[in-house]
Protein backbone atom coordinates (compact mmCIF):
# COMPACT_ATOMS: atom_id res chain seq x y z
CA MET A 1 -7.18 -10.36 -21.56
CA ILE A 2 -9.02 -7.06 -21.19
CA GLY A 3 -12.73 -7.36 -21.79
CA ASP A 4 -14.36 -5.16 -24.45
CA ASN A 5 -17.16 -4.14 -22.06
CA ASN A 6 -14.67 -2.60 -19.65
CA LEU A 7 -12.92 -0.77 -22.47
CA THR A 8 -15.98 1.46 -22.96
CA ILE A 9 -15.50 2.97 -19.48
CA GLY A 10 -12.25 4.75 -20.29
CA ALA A 11 -13.04 4.84 -24.02
CA GLY A 12 -9.43 5.66 -24.85
CA ARG A 13 -9.37 8.82 -22.75
CA VAL A 14 -6.21 9.78 -20.86
CA VAL A 15 -5.92 9.51 -17.08
CA THR A 16 -2.81 10.78 -15.34
CA VAL A 17 -1.76 8.76 -12.30
CA PHE A 18 0.67 10.54 -9.99
CA GLY A 19 2.79 8.12 -8.02
CA GLY A 20 1.70 5.26 -10.26
CA SER A 21 5.02 3.42 -10.11
CA GLY A 22 4.70 2.45 -6.43
CA PHE A 23 3.14 -0.48 -4.62
CA VAL A 24 -0.45 0.74 -4.90
CA GLY A 25 0.18 2.47 -8.20
CA ARG A 26 0.97 -0.59 -10.25
CA HIS A 27 -2.35 -2.16 -9.24
CA VAL A 28 -4.23 1.07 -10.01
CA VAL A 29 -2.58 1.22 -13.44
CA ARG A 30 -3.68 -2.34 -14.17
CA ALA A 31 -7.27 -1.66 -13.09
CA LEU A 32 -7.52 1.52 -15.19
CA ALA A 33 -5.99 -0.14 -18.25
CA ARG A 34 -8.55 -2.92 -17.88
CA ASP A 35 -11.26 -0.25 -18.02
CA GLY A 36 -9.91 1.09 -21.30
CA TRP A 37 -8.15 4.25 -20.08
CA ARG A 38 -4.93 5.40 -21.67
CA VAL A 39 -2.79 5.60 -18.55
CA ARG A 40 -0.13 8.26 -18.20
CA VAL A 41 2.01 7.40 -15.17
CA ALA A 42 3.62 10.52 -13.69
CA CYS A 43 6.64 9.71 -11.53
CA ARG A 44 10.08 11.05 -10.66
CA ARG A 45 11.98 8.27 -12.49
CA PRO A 46 10.06 7.15 -15.59
CA ASP A 47 13.17 5.28 -16.74
CA LEU A 48 12.56 2.87 -13.87
CA ALA A 49 8.87 2.35 -14.65
CA PHE A 50 9.04 0.31 -17.85
CA TYR A 51 7.68 -2.70 -15.98
CA LEU A 52 4.26 -1.01 -16.03
CA GLN A 53 3.86 -1.20 -19.80
CA PRO A 54 2.77 -4.88 -19.95
CA LEU A 55 -0.13 -4.04 -17.62
CA GLY A 56 -2.07 -2.72 -20.60
CA ARG A 57 -2.20 -3.11 -24.35
CA VAL A 58 0.57 -1.91 -26.59
CA GLY A 59 0.93 1.85 -26.13
CA GLN A 60 -1.81 2.03 -23.49
CA VAL A 61 0.51 2.73 -20.53
CA MET A 62 3.20 5.39 -20.70
CA ALA A 63 5.43 6.87 -17.98
CA VAL A 64 6.34 10.57 -17.91
CA GLN A 65 8.55 12.60 -15.58
CA ALA A 66 6.87 14.70 -12.90
CA ASN A 67 7.83 16.02 -9.48
CA VAL A 68 5.57 17.88 -7.05
CA ARG A 69 8.45 20.29 -6.38
CA HIS A 70 8.25 21.42 -10.00
CA PRO A 71 4.71 22.63 -10.83
CA GLU A 72 5.51 22.94 -14.53
CA SER A 73 6.14 19.16 -14.71
CA ILE A 74 2.76 18.52 -13.05
CA ALA A 75 1.00 20.76 -15.56
CA ALA A 76 2.73 18.99 -18.46
CA ALA A 77 1.71 15.56 -17.12
CA LEU A 78 -1.94 16.66 -17.04
CA ARG A 79 -2.03 18.18 -20.51
CA GLY A 80 -4.78 16.53 -22.56
CA ALA A 81 -5.97 14.31 -19.68
CA SER A 82 -9.64 13.77 -18.81
CA ALA A 83 -9.06 12.51 -15.26
CA ALA A 84 -6.36 12.22 -12.63
CA VAL A 85 -5.40 10.12 -9.63
CA ASN A 86 -3.07 11.23 -6.85
CA LEU A 87 -1.26 8.39 -5.06
CA VAL A 88 1.77 10.39 -3.94
CA GLY A 89 2.62 9.78 -0.30
CA ILE A 90 5.32 8.67 2.13
CA LEU A 91 5.21 6.61 5.32
CA ALA A 92 8.17 8.32 6.98
CA GLU A 93 10.18 11.47 6.40
CA THR A 94 13.64 11.08 4.89
CA GLY A 95 15.93 13.88 3.78
CA ALA A 96 14.01 16.38 1.66
CA GLN A 97 10.93 14.13 1.63
CA LYS A 98 8.76 15.80 4.28
CA PHE A 99 5.09 15.17 5.05
CA SER A 100 4.27 18.84 4.55
CA THR A 101 5.98 18.91 1.16
CA VAL A 102 4.78 15.61 -0.27
CA GLN A 103 1.36 14.94 1.23
CA ALA A 104 0.08 18.46 1.85
CA GLY A 105 1.96 20.65 -0.60
CA GLY A 106 2.05 17.94 -3.27
CA ALA A 107 -1.72 17.48 -3.20
CA ARG A 108 -2.16 21.25 -3.45
CA VAL A 109 0.12 21.55 -6.50
CA ILE A 110 -1.61 18.66 -8.26
CA ALA A 111 -5.09 20.01 -7.47
CA GLU A 112 -4.21 23.49 -8.74
CA ALA A 113 -2.79 22.08 -11.97
CA ALA A 114 -5.81 19.82 -12.48
CA LYS A 115 -8.17 22.74 -11.97
CA ALA A 116 -6.21 24.83 -14.48
CA ALA A 117 -6.45 21.94 -16.96
CA GLY A 118 -10.23 21.76 -16.52
CA ILE A 119 -10.17 18.34 -14.86
CA ASP A 120 -12.89 17.63 -12.30
CA ASN A 121 -12.78 13.82 -12.38
CA MET A 122 -10.18 13.33 -9.66
CA VAL A 123 -9.44 10.62 -7.08
CA HIS A 124 -7.11 11.34 -4.18
CA ILE A 125 -5.70 8.62 -1.93
CA SER A 126 -5.43 9.63 1.72
CA ALA A 127 -5.52 7.37 4.80
CA ILE A 128 -7.71 6.45 7.74
CA GLY A 129 -6.38 8.61 10.53
CA ALA A 130 -6.24 11.81 8.50
CA ASP A 131 -7.14 14.51 11.01
CA PRO A 132 -6.19 18.21 11.16
CA GLN A 133 -6.04 17.88 14.98
CA SER A 134 -3.89 14.75 14.98
CA ARG A 135 -0.77 14.71 17.13
CA SER A 136 0.89 12.85 14.27
CA ALA A 137 2.50 14.92 11.50
CA TYR A 138 1.52 12.17 9.08
CA GLY A 139 -2.16 12.40 10.07
CA ARG A 140 -2.18 16.21 9.89
CA SER A 141 -0.49 16.29 6.48
CA LYS A 142 -2.99 13.79 5.08
CA ALA A 143 -5.85 15.99 6.30
CA GLU A 144 -4.20 19.10 4.81
CA GLY A 145 -3.86 17.30 1.48
CA GLU A 146 -7.55 16.39 1.48
CA ALA A 147 -8.55 19.97 2.27
CA ALA A 148 -6.30 21.38 -0.47
CA MET A 149 -7.79 18.94 -2.97
CA HIS A 150 -11.37 19.91 -2.13
CA VAL A 151 -10.63 23.64 -2.19
CA GLU A 152 -9.54 23.41 -5.82
CA ILE A 153 -11.72 20.50 -6.96
CA PRO A 154 -14.87 20.13 -4.79
CA SER A 155 -15.96 17.06 -6.76
CA ALA A 156 -12.73 15.14 -6.02
CA VAL A 157 -13.32 11.74 -4.42
CA ILE A 158 -11.15 11.04 -1.38
CA LEU A 159 -10.30 7.43 -0.51
CA ARG A 160 -8.99 6.64 2.97
CA PRO A 161 -7.70 3.05 3.16
CA SER A 162 -6.63 1.23 6.29
CA VAL A 163 -3.35 -0.70 6.15
CA ILE A 164 -2.96 -1.98 2.59
CA PHE A 165 -1.67 -5.51 2.03
CA GLY A 166 -0.51 -7.32 -1.08
CA PRO A 167 2.54 -9.09 -2.55
CA GLU A 168 4.83 -6.04 -2.37
CA ASP A 169 3.49 -4.53 0.86
CA ASP A 170 5.64 -3.05 3.61
CA PHE A 171 3.52 -4.52 6.39
CA PHE A 172 3.23 -8.31 6.35
CA ASN A 173 6.51 -8.61 4.43
CA ARG A 174 8.32 -6.53 7.04
CA PHE A 175 7.32 -8.65 10.02
CA ALA A 176 7.83 -11.89 8.10
CA THR A 177 11.37 -10.73 7.32
CA MET A 178 11.97 -9.94 10.99
CA ALA A 179 10.77 -13.42 11.90
CA ARG A 180 13.24 -14.89 9.45
CA TYR A 181 16.27 -13.18 10.99
CA PHE A 182 15.44 -12.51 14.64
CA PRO A 183 14.23 -14.68 17.54
CA VAL A 184 12.03 -11.85 18.86
CA VAL A 185 9.52 -9.65 17.01
CA PRO A 186 8.89 -6.36 18.87
CA ILE A 187 5.61 -4.48 18.34
CA VAL A 188 4.15 -1.28 19.77
CA GLY A 189 0.39 -1.00 20.32
CA ALA A 190 -0.44 -4.69 20.50
CA ASP A 191 -4.13 -3.94 21.15
CA THR A 192 -4.50 -1.35 18.37
CA LYS A 193 -7.10 -2.45 15.82
CA PHE A 194 -6.52 -2.59 12.06
CA GLN A 195 -8.81 -3.41 9.14
CA PRO A 196 -6.31 -4.46 6.43
CA VAL A 197 -7.53 -3.96 2.87
CA TYR A 198 -6.25 -5.76 -0.22
CA VAL A 199 -4.36 -3.57 -2.69
CA GLY A 200 -6.39 -4.98 -5.59
CA ASP A 201 -9.62 -3.86 -3.93
CA VAL A 202 -8.20 -0.37 -3.39
CA ALA A 203 -7.21 -0.22 -7.05
CA GLN A 204 -10.69 -1.31 -8.13
CA ALA A 205 -12.18 1.35 -5.85
CA VAL A 206 -10.11 3.97 -7.69
CA ALA A 207 -11.27 2.65 -11.06
CA ASN A 208 -14.92 2.57 -9.96
CA ALA A 209 -14.71 6.12 -8.62
CA LEU A 210 -13.32 7.40 -11.93
CA ALA A 211 -16.10 5.52 -13.71
CA GLY A 212 -18.69 7.60 -11.86
CA ARG A 213 -19.72 5.11 -9.19
CA ALA A 214 -18.77 7.40 -6.29
CA LYS A 215 -20.57 10.38 -4.78
CA PRO A 216 -18.82 13.54 -6.04
CA GLY A 217 -16.76 15.14 -3.28
CA ALA A 218 -17.31 12.27 -0.83
CA VAL A 219 -14.71 10.80 1.52
CA TYR A 220 -14.71 6.99 1.48
CA GLU A 221 -13.07 4.78 4.11
CA LEU A 222 -11.73 1.48 2.81
CA GLY A 223 -11.28 -1.55 5.03
CA GLY A 224 -11.22 -5.28 4.46
CA PRO A 225 -13.70 -7.82 5.86
CA GLU A 226 -11.74 -8.44 9.07
CA ILE A 227 -10.77 -6.31 12.05
CA LYS A 228 -7.78 -7.61 13.98
CA SER A 229 -5.50 -6.31 16.71
CA PHE A 230 -1.86 -5.70 15.89
CA ALA A 231 -0.90 -8.70 18.03
CA GLU A 232 -3.40 -10.95 16.22
CA ILE A 233 -2.00 -9.88 12.86
CA ILE A 234 1.56 -10.68 13.92
CA ASP A 235 0.50 -14.06 15.33
CA TYR A 236 -1.20 -14.86 12.03
CA ALA A 237 1.87 -13.86 10.01
CA LEU A 238 4.09 -16.07 12.18
CA LYS A 239 1.68 -18.96 11.68
CA VAL A 240 1.77 -18.52 7.91
CA VAL A 241 5.58 -18.45 7.74
CA GLN A 242 5.69 -21.38 10.19
CA ARG A 243 8.22 -19.79 12.52
CA GLU A 244 7.94 -19.80 16.29
CA ARG A 245 9.04 -16.42 17.56
CA ALA A 246 8.50 -14.51 20.78
CA VAL A 247 6.39 -11.37 20.29
CA LEU A 248 7.66 -8.55 22.50
CA LYS A 249 4.75 -6.22 23.26
CA LEU A 250 6.19 -2.79 24.01
CA SER A 251 4.39 0.06 25.74
CA PHE A 252 4.01 3.35 23.89
CA GLY A 253 6.66 4.85 26.17
CA ALA A 254 9.14 2.10 25.32
CA GLY A 255 8.18 2.50 21.66
CA GLN A 256 8.98 6.20 21.75
CA LEU A 257 12.37 5.43 23.29
CA MET A 258 13.11 2.84 20.62
CA ALA A 259 12.00 5.31 17.93
CA VAL A 260 14.39 7.96 19.25
CA MET A 261 17.23 5.43 19.19
CA THR A 262 16.57 4.19 15.65
CA GLN A 263 16.08 7.72 14.28
CA THR A 264 19.37 8.79 15.87
CA LEU A 265 21.20 5.75 14.50
CA THR A 266 19.75 6.40 11.04
CA LYS A 267 21.14 9.95 11.08
CA LEU A 268 24.53 8.94 12.47
CA SER A 269 24.87 6.20 9.83
CA PHE A 270 23.86 8.61 7.01
CA GLY A 271 20.82 6.50 6.25
CA LEU A 272 22.64 3.15 6.32
CA PHE A 273 20.83 1.87 9.42
CA PRO A 274 18.64 -1.06 8.25
CA LYS A 275 15.20 0.09 7.13
CA LEU A 276 13.75 -3.10 8.60
CA LEU A 277 14.59 -1.91 12.13
CA ARG A 278 13.59 1.72 11.77
CA MET A 279 10.75 3.25 13.71
CA THR A 280 9.75 6.91 14.09
CA ARG A 281 8.09 8.76 16.93
CA ASP A 282 5.36 9.79 14.50
CA GLN A 283 4.57 6.15 13.73
CA VAL A 284 4.32 5.38 17.44
CA GLU A 285 1.85 8.24 17.78
CA LEU A 286 -0.29 6.78 14.98
CA LEU A 287 -0.33 3.40 16.69
CA LYS A 288 -2.20 4.90 19.65
CA HIS A 289 -5.40 5.00 17.58
CA ASP A 290 -7.41 2.25 15.91
CA ASN A 291 -7.18 2.17 12.12
CA VAL A 292 -10.65 0.96 11.13
CA VAL A 293 -13.64 2.17 9.10
CA SER A 294 -15.82 4.52 11.15
CA ASP A 295 -19.47 3.94 12.01
CA ALA A 296 -20.36 7.15 10.14
CA ALA A 297 -18.76 5.89 6.91
CA ARG A 298 -20.59 2.57 7.15
CA ALA A 299 -23.92 4.31 7.81
CA ASP A 300 -23.48 6.54 4.75
CA ALA A 301 -22.25 3.67 2.53
CA ARG A 302 -18.90 5.43 2.10
CA THR A 303 -17.02 2.13 2.05
CA LEU A 304 -15.82 -0.47 -0.44
CA GLU A 305 -19.35 -1.79 -0.68
CA GLY A 306 -20.57 1.70 -1.53
CA LEU A 307 -18.14 1.70 -4.44
CA GLY A 308 -19.48 -1.56 -5.81
CA ILE A 309 -16.98 -3.94 -4.18
CA ALA A 310 -19.31 -6.23 -2.28
CA ASP A 311 -16.89 -9.08 -1.56
CA PRO A 312 -13.46 -7.67 -0.65
CA GLN A 313 -10.55 -10.08 -0.32
CA SER A 314 -9.66 -11.35 3.15
CA ILE A 315 -6.20 -11.62 4.68
CA GLU A 316 -6.45 -15.43 4.65
CA SER A 317 -7.20 -15.55 0.92
CA ILE A 318 -4.21 -13.45 -0.16
CA VAL A 319 -1.41 -13.24 2.42
CA PRO A 320 -0.33 -16.93 2.30
CA THR A 321 0.20 -16.64 -1.47
CA TYR A 322 3.20 -14.38 -0.96
CA LEU A 323 4.39 -15.01 2.60
CA TYR A 324 5.21 -18.67 1.90
CA ARG A 325 8.66 -17.59 0.70
CA TYR A 326 9.60 -16.74 4.29
CA ARG A 327 9.24 -20.36 5.40
CA LYS A 328 12.44 -22.33 5.88
CA VAL A 329 12.03 -24.16 2.57
CA GLY A 330 9.38 -22.02 0.88
CA GLN A 331 6.04 -23.25 -0.35
CA TYR A 332 7.00 -26.93 -0.17
CA GLN A 333 7.56 -27.10 3.58
CA THR A 334 4.25 -28.83 4.25
CA GLN A 335 5.12 -31.43 1.61
CA ARG A 336 8.42 -32.44 3.18
CA MET A 337 8.71 -36.03 4.24
CA ASP A 338 9.71 -36.56 7.82
CA GLN A 339 13.03 -38.36 8.18
CA SER A 340 11.41 -41.17 10.16
CA ASP A 341 8.98 -41.76 7.27
CA ALA A 342 11.62 -41.77 4.53
CA PRO A 343 12.24 -45.15 2.85
CA VAL A 344 15.39 -46.85 4.11
CA ARG A 345 17.71 -48.05 1.37
CA ALA A 346 19.47 -51.35 2.00
CA GLN A 347 23.17 -50.78 2.64
CA PRO A 348 25.57 -53.13 0.79
CA GLN A 349 27.57 -55.55 2.93
CA PRO A 350 31.38 -55.17 3.01
CA ASN A 351 31.96 -58.00 0.52
CA GLU A 352 28.83 -57.34 -1.55
CA LYS A 353 29.44 -56.22 -5.11
CA ARG A 354 27.65 -53.07 -6.13
CA VAL A 355 25.65 -53.16 -9.35
CA ALA A 356 26.36 -50.18 -11.58
């Protein structure tokens, strides 16, 4: 049940959430509805976003059609809104979905429309690793999106999360799936550091920023309470799913070669090559750099704690609650009785009459 105290934050005002039907979006929608906002979810397929409606009260959450390639749809989605959130982003380029179009150009279109609508309460989700000098197209496009947002709306709050985990994530779930089907789990950048952050904490950070608890125009870096290497994360995931698998630690050179192969196979198969096995050269480039909160952000309190989230969720407190399904017999594996401990039923003798 939504508390009445939280309802006064949004006070029935409209907030438009672009990309609100995705993994992070559904948690953001829930957090904003809890704060009393009327949430307008702008997405390409609103007919597939009905599952968001139960996240709020009756009529509190509504999906509308919007596409960053059509500025008029963005303007319509912002009409009458008091605030906006931009969650639009992609992890890899596919077809017409390019980093420059979605993460740089998309942010620019949304920022221009928000400025025209008189909206200055804006939160934009970027990523740790956003850098205009990055050798990764993903990193450069994220930086370009941030810059475009601040050009139009200087007060916009930028949130840069590390790897985000949660029940529907594409990180822990991906490697747990690989462990289910393959005897070997290959990884690139085994020593690269990550600071995984829970999706619910990211969503609360968005809600707190819209509620005025962030420094206007500041760039916050969001990381969880633990810093782990890529190899340590994979070892932990394998422990949770209770599967013994060999972890193949590939060099960046070998990773680039594998990326070239999988990208080629994806094109030749017209996109039918399994997503689980895909890797891009851009992703390999990103893995060359640690993905953790910077010392500068911690010193300036531009972190989760600076947004009022003093006790962020750890990997150990959340990940086992959804990875258990990758065990051989699900969540009940630890409760199985060993065959040697099972009670032995007396077998009837050949001439013994069975009792019905």
